[in-house]
């Protein structure tokens, strides 16, 4: 298994639990999943599909991640815990992207054409998020944990909920990180709006009653 320096660098930058590169190389399942994908992808583009699929099978068994060797993935790619990550054949991922456990970059069609997502640079997908179909996720996008994204997302946005709701974030840092405890909550925001409207209506009713 050959580990690319850029993937190792991403691993060391993004995982604070690691004490050394040696530790990452020996034990980090996400790094192993990415490295085995790189090897399988090289074989895939050479037309050696059986050999590529064999490595993919071994990688899935070893790491819990299923990254199709036909997917196209850029530099400095990081998976934080490999378990449950699924990346479909026609997926395209840019540079400096990060996936947490359980992320699915999947298809919604049985067609042979482009049926999986395209992610730009500096995209982060939180745990158990699903990005489905031939859609485009822009640069500097954060997908909140558990979200289901079915439509295109422009640059510099955060997506939360089921189905995913885009919350524009101007000036989002291009640093690859996701503050899971500080994501917008569309349901909470709507409840707060309704509570405010209810309070205003109560005030009007009280005023009318006095008159």
Foldseek 3Di string as FASTA:
>chain_A
DDQDPQQLVLVPVPDPVDDDSVCCVVDPLFSLLVVLLVVLLVCVVVVNNVVSVVSQVVSCVVQQARARNQEAEETSETERRRRQHYHDNDEYYYYQEYEYHNEYQEFDDPDPDRGTDYEYALEYEYANEYEYTHEYEEANEYEAHPEYEDYHHYPQWYWDDVPTDTDHDPPRDSNNDDDNVDDDDVVVVVVVVVVVVVVVVVVVVVVVVVD
